[in-house]
Amino acid sequence: MKKIGFYLDTTVISHLYAPEKMQETLALWDDIIAGNYEIVLSSVVFDEIDRCYQPKRDIMYEYVNRIEFKNTKINSTIREI
């Protein structure tokens, strides 16, 4: 069975740090860690994380480092998103 794929933008990762959105996002993150989804990130996500203040930046990278993901090149579709 093919996994559902998601392109995650920085907002989703940021919600792991936002108390009002954290519970739902952590549930999704647990499913991602379990390998239930194919995740795609781009350099845009990493550029935006790099611009975050500390300690948020380190926390976001800790979450990203827990998952498997594919890097994608920036194209017109990603720019539209």
PDB file of N, CA and C in Angstrom:
ATOM      1  N   MET A   1       0.845  -1.183   0.000  1.00  0.00           N
ATOM      2  CA  MET A   1       0.000   0.000   0.000  1.00  0.00           C
ATOM      3  C   MET A   1       0.889   1.244   0.000  1.00  0.00           C
ATOM      4  N   LYS A   2       0.591   2.143  -0.899  1.00  0.00           N
ATOM      5  CA  LYS A   2       1.377   3.366  -1.016  1.00  0.00           C
ATOM      6  C   LYS A   2       1.021   4.334   0.113  1.00  0.00           C
ATOM      7  N   LYS A   3       2.047   4.961   0.670  1.00  0.00           N
ATOM      8  CA  LYS A   3       1.835   5.925   1.739  1.00  0.00           C
ATOM      9  C   LYS A   3       1.334   7.248   1.176  1.00  0.00           C
ATOM     10  N   ILE A   4       0.542   7.927   1.965  1.00  0.00           N
ATOM     11  CA  ILE A   4       0.122   9.284   1.625  1.00  0.00           C
ATOM     12  C   ILE A   4       1.315  10.194   1.824  1.00  0.00           C
ATOM     13  N   GLY A   5       1.544  11.081   0.885  1.00  0.00           N
ATOM     14  CA  GLY A   5       2.668  11.999   0.962  1.00  0.00           C
ATOM     15  C   GLY A   5       2.208  13.400   1.306  1.00  0.00           C
ATOM     16  N   PHE A   6       3.042  14.093   2.075  1.00  0.00           N
ATOM     17  CA  PHE A   6       2.769  15.470   2.469  1.00  0.00           C
ATOM     18  C   PHE A   6       3.999  16.321   2.240  1.00  0.00           C
ATOM     19  N   TYR A   7       3.788  17.510   1.696  1.00  0.00           N
ATOM     20  CA  TYR A   7       4.819  18.540   1.737  1.00  0.00           C
ATOM     21  C   TYR A   7       4.524  19.340   2.997  1.00  0.00           C
ATOM     22  N   LEU A   8       5.474  19.354   3.921  1.00  0.00           N
ATOM     23  CA  LEU A   8       5.288  20.125   5.146  1.00  0.00           C
ATOM     24  C   LEU A   8       5.919  21.491   4.995  1.00  0.00           C
ATOM     25  N   ASP A   9       5.128  22.505   5.233  1.00  0.00           N
ATOM     26  CA  ASP A   9       5.716  23.839   5.277  1.00  0.00           C
ATOM     27  C   ASP A   9       6.132  24.138   6.714  1.00  0.00           C
ATOM     28  N   THR A  10       6.786  25.238   6.898  1.00  0.00           N
ATOM     29  CA  THR A  10       7.337  25.586   8.204  1.00  0.00           C
ATOM     30  C   THR A  10       6.254  25.755   9.257  1.00  0.00           C
ATOM     31  N   THR A  11       5.061  26.138   8.863  1.00  0.00           N
ATOM     32  CA  THR A  11       3.976  26.346   9.818  1.00  0.00           C
ATOM     33  C   THR A  11       3.675  25.075  10.604  1.00  0.00           C
ATOM     34  N   VAL A  12       3.648  23.945   9.929  1.00  0.00           N
ATOM     35  CA  VAL A  12       3.347  22.689  10.612  1.00  0.00           C
ATOM     36  C   VAL A  12       4.407  22.403  11.671  1.00  0.00           C
ATOM     37  N   ILE A  13       5.666  22.554  11.302  1.00  0.00           N
ATOM     38  CA  ILE A  13       6.747  22.299  12.248  1.00  0.00           C
ATOM     39  C   ILE A  13       6.698  23.311  13.384  1.00  0.00           C
ATOM     40  N   SER A  14       6.375  24.535  13.060  1.00  0.00           N
ATOM     41  CA  SER A  14       6.278  25.588  14.072  1.00  0.00           C
ATOM     42  C   SER A  14       5.185  25.296  15.088  1.00  0.00           C
ATOM     43  N   HIS A  15       4.118  24.646  14.658  1.00  0.00           N
ATOM     44  CA  HIS A  15       3.013  24.325  15.574  1.00  0.00           C
ATOM     45  C   HIS A  15       3.415  23.318  16.639  1.00  0.00           C
ATOM     46  N   LEU A  16       4.538  22.626  16.435  1.00  0.00           N
ATOM     47  CA  LEU A  16       5.045  21.740  17.477  1.00  0.00           C
ATOM     48  C   LEU A  16       5.529  22.535  18.688  1.00  0.00           C
ATOM     49  N   TYR A  17       5.736  23.821  18.484  1.00  0.00           N
ATOM     50  CA  TYR A  17       6.235  24.722  19.530  1.00  0.00           C
ATOM     51  C   TYR A  17       5.141  25.658  20.047  1.00  0.00           C
ATOM     52  N   ALA A  18       3.986  25.643  19.414  1.00  0.00           N
ATOM     53  CA  ALA A  18       2.897  26.567  19.756  1.00  0.00           C
ATOM     54  C   ALA A  18       1.880  25.866  20.658  1.00  0.00           C
ATOM     55  N   PRO A  19       1.768  26.275  21.919  1.00  0.00           N
ATOM     56  CA  PRO A  19       0.878  25.564  22.868  1.00  0.00           C
ATOM     57  C   PRO A  19      -0.551  25.361  22.364  1.00  0.00           C
ATOM     58  N   GLU A  20      -1.113  26.330  21.662  1.00  0.00           N
ATOM     59  CA  GLU A  20      -2.508  26.212  21.231  1.00  0.00           C
ATOM     60  C   GLU A  20      -2.694  25.209  20.090  1.00  0.00           C
ATOM     61  N   LYS A  21      -1.634  24.828  19.406  1.00  0.00           N
ATOM     62  CA  LYS A  21      -1.725  23.884  18.285  1.00  0.00           C
ATOM     63  C   LYS A  21      -0.926  22.607  18.539  1.00  0.00           C
ATOM     64  N   MET A  22      -0.188  22.570  19.633  1.00  0.00           N
ATOM     65  CA  MET A  22       0.791  21.523  19.868  1.00  0.00           C
ATOM     66  C   MET A  22       0.187  20.124  19.941  1.00  0.00           C
ATOM     67  N   GLN A  23      -0.918  19.946  20.623  1.00  0.00           N
ATOM     68  CA  GLN A  23      -1.473  18.606  20.841  1.00  0.00           C
ATOM     69  C   GLN A  23      -1.799  17.906  19.521  1.00  0.00           C
ATOM     70  N   GLU A  24      -2.505  18.588  18.637  1.00  0.00           N
ATOM     71  CA  GLU A  24      -2.873  17.981  17.353  1.00  0.00           C
ATOM     72  C   GLU A  24      -1.642  17.722  16.491  1.00  0.00           C
ATOM     73  N   THR A  25      -0.707  18.656  16.525  1.00  0.00           N
ATOM     74  CA  THR A  25       0.485  18.520  15.700  1.00  0.00           C
ATOM     75  C   THR A  25       1.379  17.401  16.213  1.00  0.00           C
ATOM     76  N   LEU A  26       1.484  17.243  17.528  1.00  0.00           N
ATOM     77  CA  LEU A  26       2.271  16.141  18.086  1.00  0.00           C
ATOM     78  C   LEU A  26       1.674  14.787  17.708  1.00  0.00           C
ATOM     79  N   ALA A  27       0.358  14.691  17.653  1.00  0.00           N
ATOM     80  CA  ALA A  27      -0.295  13.445  17.221  1.00  0.00           C
ATOM     81  C   ALA A  27       0.088  13.126  15.775  1.00  0.00           C
ATOM     82  N   LEU A  28       0.053  14.137  14.920  1.00  0.00           N
ATOM     83  CA  LEU A  28       0.482  13.951  13.528  1.00  0.00           C
ATOM     84  C   LEU A  28       1.954  13.555  13.493  1.00  0.00           C
ATOM     85  N   TRP A  29       2.778  14.225  14.290  1.00  0.00           N
ATOM     86  CA  TRP A  29       4.217  13.950  14.293  1.00  0.00           C
ATOM     87  C   TRP A  29       4.493  12.508  14.709  1.00  0.00           C
ATOM     88  N   ASP A  30       3.749  11.995  15.673  1.00  0.00           N
ATOM     89  CA  ASP A  30       3.902  10.594  16.078  1.00  0.00           C
ATOM     90  C   ASP A  30       3.619   9.654  14.905  1.00  0.00           C
ATOM     91  N   ASP A  31       2.600   9.982  14.115  1.00  0.00           N
ATOM     92  CA  ASP A  31       2.294   9.175  12.928  1.00  0.00           C
ATOM     93  C   ASP A  31       3.407   9.272  11.890  1.00  0.00           C
ATOM     94  N   ILE A  32       3.992  10.443  11.756  1.00  0.00           N
ATOM     95  CA  ILE A  32       5.094  10.636  10.810  1.00  0.00           C
ATOM     96  C   ILE A  32       6.303   9.821  11.267  1.00  0.00           C
ATOM     97  N   ILE A  33       6.635   9.899  12.553  1.00  0.00           N
ATOM     98  CA  ILE A  33       7.764   9.138  13.090  1.00  0.00           C
ATOM     99  C   ILE A  33       7.532   7.636  12.901  1.00  0.00           C
ATOM    100  N   ALA A  34       6.300   7.209  13.039  1.00  0.00           N
ATOM    101  CA  ALA A  34       5.960   5.791  12.868  1.00  0.00           C
ATOM    102  C   ALA A  34       6.076   5.337  11.411  1.00  0.00           C
ATOM    103  N   GLY A  35       6.291   6.286  10.506  1.00  0.00           N
ATOM    104  CA  GLY A  35       6.455   5.930   9.101  1.00  0.00           C
ATOM    105  C   GLY A  35       5.157   5.799   8.335  1.00  0.00           C
ATOM    106  N   ASN A  36       4.088   6.383   8.851  1.00  0.00           N
ATOM    107  CA  ASN A  36       2.788   6.265   8.196  1.00  0.00           C
ATOM    108  C   ASN A  36       2.618   7.179   6.991  1.00  0.00           C
ATOM    109  N   TYR A  37       3.504   8.149   6.840  1.00  0.00           N
ATOM    110  CA  TYR A  37       3.404   9.108   5.737  1.00  0.00           C
ATOM    111  C   TYR A  37       4.762   9.305   5.089  1.00  0.00           C
ATOM    112  N   GLU A  38       4.726   9.666   3.824  1.00  0.00           N
ATOM    113  CA  GLU A  38       5.933  10.070   3.123  1.00  0.00           C
ATOM    114  C   GLU A  38       6.010  11.595   3.210  1.00  0.00           C
ATOM    115  N   ILE A  39       7.086  12.101   3.774  1.00  0.00           N
ATOM    116  CA  ILE A  39       7.209  13.532   4.026  1.00  0.00           C
ATOM    117  C   ILE A  39       8.211  14.154   3.059  1.00  0.00           C
ATOM    118  N   VAL A  40       7.846  15.326   2.574  1.00  0.00           N
ATOM    119  CA  VAL A  40       8.707  16.089   1.678  1.00  0.00           C
ATOM    120  C   VAL A  40       8.928  17.470   2.282  1.00  0.00           C
ATOM    121  N   LEU A  41      10.185  17.891   2.318  1.00  0.00           N
ATOM    122  CA  LEU A  41      10.563  19.231   2.756  1.00  0.00           C
ATOM    123  C   LEU A  41      11.393  19.869   1.654  1.00  0.00           C
ATOM    124  N   SER A  42      11.541  21.174   1.720  1.00  0.00           N
ATOM    125  CA  SER A  42      12.382  21.872   0.755  1.00  0.00           C
ATOM    126  C   SER A  42      13.318  22.820   1.485  1.00  0.00           C
ATOM    127  N   SER A  43      14.223  23.408   0.746  1.00  0.00           N
ATOM    128  CA  SER A  43      15.161  24.364   1.335  1.00  0.00           C
ATOM    129  C   SER A  43      14.442  25.577   1.904  1.00  0.00           C
ATOM    130  N   VAL A  44      13.253  25.871   1.409  1.00  0.00           N
ATOM    131  CA  VAL A  44      12.471  26.990   1.941  1.00  0.00           C
ATOM    132  C   VAL A  44      12.190  26.763   3.424  1.00  0.00           C
ATOM    133  N   VAL A  45      11.834  25.545   3.788  1.00  0.00           N
ATOM    134  CA  VAL A  45      11.551  25.212   5.179  1.00  0.00           C
ATOM    135  C   VAL A  45      12.784  25.469   6.044  1.00  0.00           C
ATOM    136  N   PHE A  46      13.937  24.994   5.590  1.00  0.00           N
ATOM    137  CA  PHE A  46      15.155  25.155   6.381  1.00  0.00           C
ATOM    138  C   PHE A  46      15.588  26.620   6.457  1.00  0.00           C
ATOM    139  N   ASP A  47      15.392  27.358   5.380  1.00  0.00           N
ATOM    140  CA  ASP A  47      15.704  28.797   5.411  1.00  0.00           C
ATOM    141  C   ASP A  47      14.829  29.513   6.443  1.00  0.00           C
ATOM    142  N   GLU A  48      13.565  29.149   6.487  1.00  0.00           N
ATOM    143  CA  GLU A  48      12.653  29.793   7.440  1.00  0.00           C
ATOM    144  C   GLU A  48      12.967  29.383   8.877  1.00  0.00           C
ATOM    145  N   ILE A  49      13.306  28.127   9.091  1.00  0.00           N
ATOM    146  CA  ILE A  49      13.691  27.698  10.441  1.00  0.00           C
ATOM    147  C   ILE A  49      14.943  28.445  10.883  1.00  0.00           C
ATOM    148  N   ASP A  50      15.885  28.603   9.974  1.00  0.00           N
ATOM    149  CA  ASP A  50      17.130  29.307  10.310  1.00  0.00           C
ATOM    150  C   ASP A  50      16.881  30.745  10.764  1.00  0.00           C
ATOM    151  N   ARG A  51      15.784  31.333  10.324  1.00  0.00           N
ATOM    152  CA  ARG A  51      15.469  32.721  10.710  1.00  0.00           C
ATOM    153  C   ARG A  51      14.703  32.811  12.033  1.00  0.00           C
ATOM    154  N   CYS A  52      14.334  31.668  12.612  1.00  0.00           N
ATOM    155  CA  CYS A  52      13.627  31.678  13.892  1.00  0.00           C
ATOM    156  C   CYS A  52      14.578  32.042  15.025  1.00  0.00           C
ATOM    157  N   TYR A  53      14.013  32.570  16.080  1.00  0.00           N
ATOM    158  CA  TYR A  53      14.792  32.902  17.262  1.00  0.00           C
ATOM    159  C   TYR A  53      15.066  31.630  18.064  1.00  0.00           C
ATOM    160  N   GLN A  54      16.042  31.724  18.939  1.00  0.00           N
ATOM    161  CA  GLN A  54      16.349  30.619  19.850  1.00  0.00           C
ATOM    162  C   GLN A  54      15.446  30.728  21.071  1.00  0.00           C
ATOM    163  N   PRO A  55      15.028  29.690  21.686  1.00  0.00           N
ATOM    164  CA  PRO A  55      15.365  28.287  21.439  1.00  0.00           C
ATOM    165  C   PRO A  55      14.466  27.613  20.404  1.00  0.00           C
ATOM    166  N   LYS A  56      13.508  28.363  19.843  1.00  0.00           N
ATOM    167  CA  LYS A  56      12.561  27.774  18.896  1.00  0.00           C
ATOM    168  C   LYS A  56      13.289  27.093  17.738  1.00  0.00           C
ATOM    169  N   ARG A  57      14.333  27.736  17.189  1.00  0.00           N
ATOM    170  CA  ARG A  57      15.052  27.165  16.051  1.00  0.00           C
ATOM    171  C   ARG A  57      15.590  25.774  16.394  1.00  0.00           C
ATOM    172  N   ASP A  58      16.254  25.644  17.534  1.00  0.00           N
ATOM    173  CA  ASP A  58      16.819  24.342  17.909  1.00  0.00           C
ATOM    174  C   ASP A  58      15.728  23.301  18.137  1.00  0.00           C
ATOM    175  N   ILE A  59      14.641  23.704  18.739  1.00  0.00           N
ATOM    176  CA  ILE A  59      13.531  22.774  18.988  1.00  0.00           C
ATOM    177  C   ILE A  59      12.941  22.288  17.666  1.00  0.00           C
ATOM    178  N   MET A  60      12.769  23.186  16.716  1.00  0.00           N
ATOM    179  CA  MET A  60      12.223  22.783  15.415  1.00  0.00           C
ATOM    180  C   MET A  60      13.166  21.810  14.707  1.00  0.00           C
ATOM    181  N   TYR A  61      14.472  22.078  14.772  1.00  0.00           N
ATOM    182  CA  TYR A  61      15.423  21.149  14.159  1.00  0.00           C
ATOM    183  C   TYR A  61      15.425  19.801  14.877  1.00  0.00           C
ATOM    184  N   GLU A  62      15.239  19.791  16.187  1.00  0.00           N
ATOM    185  CA  GLU A  62      15.163  18.518  16.908  1.00  0.00           C
ATOM    186  C   GLU A  62      14.001  17.682  16.382  1.00  0.00           C
ATOM    187  N   TYR A  63      12.867  18.309  16.153  1.00  0.00           N
ATOM    188  CA  TYR A  63      11.716  17.572  15.607  1.00  0.00           C
ATOM    189  C   TYR A  63      11.996  17.081  14.185  1.00  0.00           C
ATOM    190  N   VAL A  64      12.544  17.938  13.358  1.00  0.00           N
ATOM    191  CA  VAL A  64      12.824  17.547  11.966  1.00  0.00           C
ATOM    192  C   VAL A  64      13.814  16.390  11.926  1.00  0.00           C
ATOM    193  N   ASN A  65      14.786  16.393  12.810  1.00  0.00           N
ATOM    194  CA  ASN A  65      15.794  15.329  12.820  1.00  0.00           C
ATOM    195  C   ASN A  65      15.235  13.989  13.274  1.00  0.00           C
ATOM    196  N   ARG A  66      14.027  13.952  13.788  1.00  0.00           N
ATOM    197  CA  ARG A  66      13.400  12.696  14.226  1.00  0.00           C
ATOM    198  C   ARG A  66      12.644  11.979  13.107  1.00  0.00           C
ATOM    199  N   ILE A  67      12.492  12.643  11.979  1.00  0.00           N
ATOM    200  CA  ILE A  67      11.677  12.054  10.913  1.00  0.00           C
ATOM    201  C   ILE A  67      12.507  11.768   9.666  1.00  0.00           C
ATOM    202  N   GLU A  68      11.977  10.874   8.859  1.00  0.00           N
ATOM    203  CA  GLU A  68      12.549  10.641   7.533  1.00  0.00           C
ATOM    204  C   GLU A  68      11.789  11.522   6.552  1.00  0.00           C
ATOM    205  N   PHE A  69      12.528  12.155   5.652  1.00  0.00           N
ATOM    206  CA  PHE A  69      11.892  13.012   4.663  1.00  0.00           C
ATOM    207  C   PHE A  69      12.731  13.051   3.398  1.00  0.00           C
ATOM    208  N   LYS A  70      12.082  13.447   2.340  1.00  0.00           N
ATOM    209  CA  LYS A  70      12.759  13.668   1.064  1.00  0.00           C
ATOM    210  C   LYS A  70      12.905  15.168   0.869  1.00  0.00           C
ATOM    211  N   ASN A  71      14.044  15.558   0.332  1.00  0.00           N
ATOM    212  CA  ASN A  71      14.226  16.961  -0.051  1.00  0.00           C
ATOM    213  C   ASN A  71      13.716  17.128  -1.468  1.00  0.00           C
ATOM    214  N   THR A  72      13.051  18.218  -1.725  1.00  0.00           N
ATOM    215  CA  THR A  72      12.591  18.487  -3.072  1.00  0.00           C
ATOM    216  C   THR A  72      13.156  19.817  -3.538  1.00  0.00           C
ATOM    217  N   LYS A  73      13.343  19.916  -4.809  1.00  0.00           N
ATOM    218  CA  LYS A  73      13.810  21.175  -5.386  1.00  0.00           C
ATOM    219  C   LYS A  73      12.644  22.150  -5.439  1.00  0.00           C
ATOM    220  N   ILE A  74      12.970  23.403  -5.365  1.00  0.00           N
ATOM    221  CA  ILE A  74      11.949  24.441  -5.454  1.00  0.00           C
ATOM    222  C   ILE A  74      11.444  24.513  -6.891  1.00  0.00           C
ATOM    223  N   ASN A  75      10.137  24.444  -7.030  1.00  0.00           N
ATOM    224  CA  ASN A  75       9.533  24.570  -8.360  1.00  0.00           C
ATOM    225  C   ASN A  75       8.307  25.482  -8.244  1.00  0.00           C
ATOM    226  N   SER A  76       7.616  25.658  -9.332  1.00  0.00           N
ATOM    227  CA  SER A  76       6.475  26.589  -9.339  1.00  0.00           C
ATOM    228  C   SER A  76       5.361  26.144  -8.386  1.00  0.00           C
ATOM    229  N   THR A  77       5.154  24.849  -8.240  1.00  0.00           N
ATOM    230  CA  THR A  77       4.129  24.354  -7.333  1.00  0.00           C
ATOM    231  C   THR A  77       4.458  24.714  -5.895  1.00  0.00           C
ATOM    232  N   ILE A  78       5.678  24.480  -5.504  1.00  0.00           N
ATOM    233  CA  ILE A  78       6.085  24.806  -4.132  1.00  0.00           C
ATOM    234  C   ILE A  78       6.020  26.299  -3.905  1.00  0.00           C
ATOM    235  N   ARG A  79       6.408  27.091  -4.875  1.00  0.00           N
ATOM    236  CA  ARG A  79       6.316  28.551  -4.727  1.00  0.00           C
ATOM    237  C   ARG A  79       4.872  29.005  -4.524  1.00  0.00           C
ATOM    238  N   GLU A  80       3.937  28.352  -5.206  1.00  0.00           N
ATOM    239  CA  GLU A  80       2.514  28.701  -5.053  1.00  0.00           C
ATOM    240  C   GLU A  80       2.012  28.363  -3.667  1.00  0.00           C
ATOM    241  N   ILE A  81       2.489  27.262  -3.116  1.00  0.00           N
ATOM    242  CA  ILE A  81       2.067  26.835  -1.771  1.00  0.00           C
ATOM    243  C   ILE A  81       2.541  27.850  -0.774  1.00  0.00           C
TER     244      ILE A  81
END
